[in-house]
Amino acid sequence: MTKHPRLSGWALIAGSTGILVTLILHPNERGLFDPSQIESVRRTTIIVHSVALFALPLLFMGALGISRRIGWDSASAMAALIIYAFALGAMMNAIVIDGLVTPGLARAIVNAGPGESEAWKIALNHNGLLDASFMNVFLMASPLAIVLWSVAIVRRGAFARAIGILGFLLSAGTIIALVTGLMSRNLHLFLLVLVGQAIWFLSNGVQLCRSNETEPSQI
């Protein structure tokens, strides 16, 4: 699956584009609780989050290509791949909760009869806590993976060293913002991190697509 670098590169480009499309088209969730908008917003929410779900296996396929390009003898590359797979699992849960479960809960709240809405609101609040928790796992694990890849890139020169430096700075900033609580207080910072990661993976994808070599299968 990953013996052709260009295939991994296109997977990274497609997966990163899918995440960017989701961020751009993500509807305002307030519309989910407006009876006149709920059905259209609900459909849009499900569609854009489905795009993100399809992007995740493409990102993992591309991540395999990054580690393979660096070299399987690199402990950093192997650790990064394992940690990133863990991060993608957390993101998958967050996407399902936010994009597929929340619209159903919102519809139940809007259509609830007297005395029923409070119970559904409690379920929605619990759903939001789960979503935020899984996303926090992703936000901690994914920059750690990118740091490990970036260090290996700078040391081995498998990709342009500027990509390694960018990845290190982006991920260090993400971890600091998460630990200090800045991330939870600033939605724009959260979106900036996701866009930054997408651009980083896109850059690696372009580098892989420019490769002319076909690597022997090792896994």
Protein backbone atom coordinates (compact mmCIF):
# COMPACT_ATOMS: atom_id res chain seq x y z
CA MET A 1 0.00 0.00 0.00
CA THR A 2 2.79 2.46 0.85
CA LYS A 3 5.62 1.25 -1.38
CA HIS A 4 4.83 4.04 -3.84
CA PRO A 5 5.67 7.41 -2.23
CA ARG A 6 3.37 9.28 -4.61
CA LEU A 7 0.38 7.24 -3.45
CA SER A 8 1.10 8.22 0.15
CA GLY A 9 1.58 11.81 -0.96
CA TRP A 10 -1.78 11.98 -2.70
CA ALA A 11 -3.39 10.37 0.35
CA LEU A 12 -1.94 13.12 2.55
CA ILE A 13 -3.12 15.82 0.16
CA ALA A 14 -6.62 14.36 -0.10
CA GLY A 15 -6.94 13.75 3.65
CA SER A 16 -5.70 17.22 4.57
CA THR A 17 -8.03 18.78 2.00
CA GLY A 18 -10.93 16.85 3.53
CA ILE A 19 -10.15 18.29 6.97
CA LEU A 20 -9.93 21.82 5.54
CA VAL A 21 -13.24 21.38 3.70
CA THR A 22 -14.87 20.27 6.95
CA LEU A 23 -13.54 23.32 8.80
CA ILE A 24 -14.65 25.71 6.05
CA LEU A 25 -18.15 24.28 5.60
CA HIS A 26 -18.85 23.45 9.25
CA PRO A 27 -22.24 25.05 10.02
CA ASN A 28 -23.05 27.13 13.08
CA GLU A 29 -24.48 24.70 15.62
CA ARG A 30 -26.97 27.29 16.81
CA GLY A 31 -28.99 26.46 13.72
CA LEU A 32 -29.48 22.94 15.07
CA PHE A 33 -31.77 24.36 17.74
CA ASP A 34 -33.78 26.59 15.40
CA PRO A 35 -36.92 24.68 14.29
CA SER A 36 -36.87 26.52 10.95
CA GLN A 37 -33.25 25.54 10.19
CA ILE A 38 -32.65 22.28 12.02
CA GLU A 39 -33.17 19.89 9.10
CA SER A 40 -30.91 21.73 6.65
CA VAL A 41 -28.22 22.37 9.28
CA ARG A 42 -28.48 18.76 10.45
CA ARG A 43 -27.89 17.43 6.92
CA THR A 44 -24.96 19.77 6.36
CA THR A 45 -23.42 18.82 9.71
CA ILE A 46 -23.61 15.11 8.92
CA ILE A 47 -22.20 15.57 5.41
CA VAL A 48 -19.19 17.70 6.41
CA HIS A 49 -18.31 15.40 9.30
CA SER A 50 -18.61 12.38 7.01
CA VAL A 51 -16.01 14.04 4.77
CA ALA A 52 -13.72 14.33 7.81
CA LEU A 53 -14.28 10.66 8.66
CA PHE A 54 -13.28 9.59 5.16
CA ALA A 55 -10.18 11.80 5.47
CA LEU A 56 -8.84 9.95 8.52
CA PRO A 57 -7.77 6.67 6.85
CA LEU A 58 -6.19 8.74 4.06
CA LEU A 59 -4.19 10.66 6.64
CA PHE A 60 -3.03 7.42 8.23
CA MET A 61 -2.01 6.06 4.83
CA GLY A 62 -0.03 9.25 4.27
CA ALA A 63 1.50 8.98 7.74
CA LEU A 64 2.78 5.54 6.81
CA GLY A 65 4.46 7.16 3.82
CA ILE A 66 6.14 9.79 6.00
CA SER A 67 7.59 7.21 8.37
CA ARG A 68 8.62 4.98 5.51
CA ARG A 69 10.39 7.87 3.77
CA ILE A 70 12.28 8.71 6.96
CA GLY A 71 13.16 5.04 7.47
CA TRP A 72 11.80 2.18 9.57
CA ASP A 73 15.11 2.06 11.43
CA SER A 74 14.26 5.45 12.96
CA ALA A 75 12.75 5.05 16.42
CA SER A 76 11.27 8.55 16.16
CA ALA A 77 9.46 7.73 12.91
CA MET A 78 8.02 4.52 14.33
CA ALA A 79 6.92 6.18 17.58
CA ALA A 80 5.38 9.06 15.65
CA LEU A 81 3.32 6.68 13.52
CA ILE A 82 2.01 4.79 16.55
CA ILE A 83 1.13 7.98 18.43
CA TYR A 84 -0.55 9.50 15.38
CA ALA A 85 -2.69 6.38 14.91
CA PHE A 86 -3.78 6.82 18.54
CA ALA A 87 -4.56 10.50 17.83
CA LEU A 88 -6.64 9.65 14.76
CA GLY A 89 -8.65 7.17 16.83
CA ALA A 90 -9.47 9.95 19.29
CA MET A 91 -10.38 12.32 16.46
CA MET A 92 -12.67 9.71 14.91
CA ASN A 93 -14.60 9.50 18.18
CA ALA A 94 -14.81 13.30 18.40
CA ILE A 95 -16.08 13.57 14.83
CA VAL A 96 -18.73 10.90 15.35
CA ILE A 97 -19.93 12.50 18.58
CA ASP A 98 -19.99 16.06 17.22
CA GLY A 99 -21.14 15.37 13.68
CA LEU A 100 -23.38 12.31 13.90
CA VAL A 101 -24.68 12.16 17.48
CA THR A 102 -25.19 15.87 18.21
CA PRO A 103 -27.64 16.44 15.30
CA GLY A 104 -29.85 13.64 16.60
CA LEU A 105 -29.82 15.05 20.12
CA ALA A 106 -30.61 18.53 18.79
CA ARG A 107 -33.60 17.17 16.87
CA ALA A 108 -34.82 15.39 20.01
CA ILE A 109 -34.57 18.63 22.00
CA VAL A 110 -36.43 20.66 19.37
CA ASN A 111 -39.20 18.04 19.08
CA ALA A 112 -39.38 17.24 22.80
CA GLY A 113 -42.66 17.58 24.59
CA PRO A 114 -43.23 19.32 27.92
CA GLY A 115 -40.91 17.96 30.60
CA GLU A 116 -38.74 16.00 28.12
CA SER A 117 -36.32 18.67 26.91
CA GLU A 118 -34.33 18.86 30.16
CA ALA A 119 -33.36 15.19 29.96
CA TRP A 120 -32.25 15.61 26.35
CA LYS A 121 -30.25 18.72 27.30
CA ILE A 122 -28.43 16.71 29.96
CA ALA A 123 -27.59 14.10 27.30
CA LEU A 124 -26.39 16.88 24.98
CA ASN A 125 -24.16 18.33 27.70
CA HIS A 126 -22.64 14.90 28.36
CA ASN A 127 -22.15 14.49 24.61
CA GLY A 128 -20.30 17.81 24.48
CA LEU A 129 -17.98 16.79 27.32
CA LEU A 130 -17.12 13.54 25.52
CA ASP A 131 -16.46 15.42 22.29
CA ALA A 132 -14.15 17.90 24.02
CA SER A 133 -12.30 15.13 25.86
CA PHE A 134 -11.57 13.12 22.72
CA MET A 135 -10.51 16.26 20.88
CA ASN A 136 -8.13 17.15 23.72
CA VAL A 137 -6.56 13.69 23.39
CA PHE A 138 -6.07 14.36 19.67
CA LEU A 139 -4.67 17.84 20.33
CA MET A 140 -2.07 16.41 22.72
CA ALA A 141 -1.14 13.26 20.80
CA SER A 142 -0.99 14.64 17.25
CA PRO A 143 1.54 17.43 17.95
CA LEU A 144 3.69 14.95 19.86
CA ALA A 145 3.72 12.74 16.75
CA ILE A 146 4.54 15.71 14.53
CA VAL A 147 7.39 16.73 16.85
CA LEU A 148 8.91 13.25 16.57
CA TRP A 149 8.56 13.26 12.78
CA SER A 150 9.98 16.78 12.60
CA VAL A 151 13.05 15.89 14.65
CA ALA A 152 13.69 12.89 12.40
CA ILE A 153 13.18 15.03 9.28
CA VAL A 154 15.71 17.61 10.44
CA ARG A 155 18.23 14.93 11.44
CA ARG A 156 17.89 12.78 8.32
CA GLY A 157 16.86 15.29 5.66
CA ALA A 158 14.22 12.94 4.27
CA PHE A 159 12.04 15.98 3.55
CA ALA A 160 12.84 19.68 3.30
CA ARG A 161 14.26 20.72 6.67
CA ALA A 162 11.95 23.74 6.70
CA ILE A 163 9.05 21.29 7.05
CA GLY A 164 10.69 19.78 10.11
CA ILE A 165 11.26 23.19 11.69
CA LEU A 166 7.68 24.27 10.94
CA GLY A 167 6.29 21.07 12.42
CA PHE A 168 8.34 21.45 15.59
CA LEU A 169 7.30 25.07 16.15
CA LEU A 170 3.63 24.39 15.38
CA SER A 171 3.47 21.40 17.69
CA ALA A 172 5.38 23.03 20.55
CA GLY A 173 2.99 25.98 20.39
CA THR A 174 -0.02 23.64 20.35
CA ILE A 175 1.13 21.72 23.43
CA ILE A 176 1.84 24.97 25.33
CA ALA A 177 -1.58 26.39 24.40
CA LEU A 178 -3.32 23.20 25.49
CA VAL A 179 -1.47 22.85 28.79
CA THR A 180 -1.95 26.52 29.74
CA GLY A 181 -5.67 26.44 28.89
CA LEU A 182 -5.42 28.96 26.05
CA MET A 183 -6.85 26.42 23.63
CA SER A 184 -10.08 25.91 25.55
CA ARG A 185 -10.65 29.67 25.83
CA ASN A 186 -9.97 30.53 22.21
CA LEU A 187 -11.88 28.79 19.41
CA HIS A 188 -9.85 30.62 16.76
CA LEU A 189 -6.64 29.19 18.20
CA PHE A 190 -8.13 25.69 18.02
CA LEU A 191 -9.06 26.21 14.36
CA LEU A 192 -5.62 27.67 13.64
CA VAL A 193 -3.97 24.53 15.03
CA LEU A 194 -6.09 22.25 12.81
CA VAL A 195 -5.37 24.38 9.75
CA GLY A 196 -1.66 24.45 10.61
CA GLN A 197 -1.54 20.66 10.90
CA ALA A 198 -3.39 20.28 7.58
CA ILE A 199 -0.87 22.57 5.89
CA TRP A 200 2.03 20.61 7.42
CA PHE A 201 0.69 17.31 6.11
CA LEU A 202 -0.07 18.89 2.74
CA SER A 203 3.56 20.02 2.53
CA ASN A 204 4.76 16.49 3.24
CA GLY A 205 2.29 15.16 0.68
CA VAL A 206 3.69 17.46 -2.00
CA GLN A 207 7.23 16.29 -1.15
CA LEU A 208 6.19 12.65 -1.46
CA CYS A 209 4.41 13.30 -4.77
CA ARG A 210 7.63 14.74 -6.17
CA SER A 211 9.49 11.52 -5.39
CA ASN A 212 10.42 9.44 -8.43
CA GLU A 213 11.50 6.36 -6.54
CA THR A 214 9.49 3.22 -5.86
CA GLU A 215 10.43 1.76 -2.51
CA PRO A 216 10.58 -1.97 -1.85
CA SER A 217 7.85 -3.34 0.37
CA GLN A 218 8.98 -3.73 3.98
CA ILE A 219 5.68 -4.21 5.78
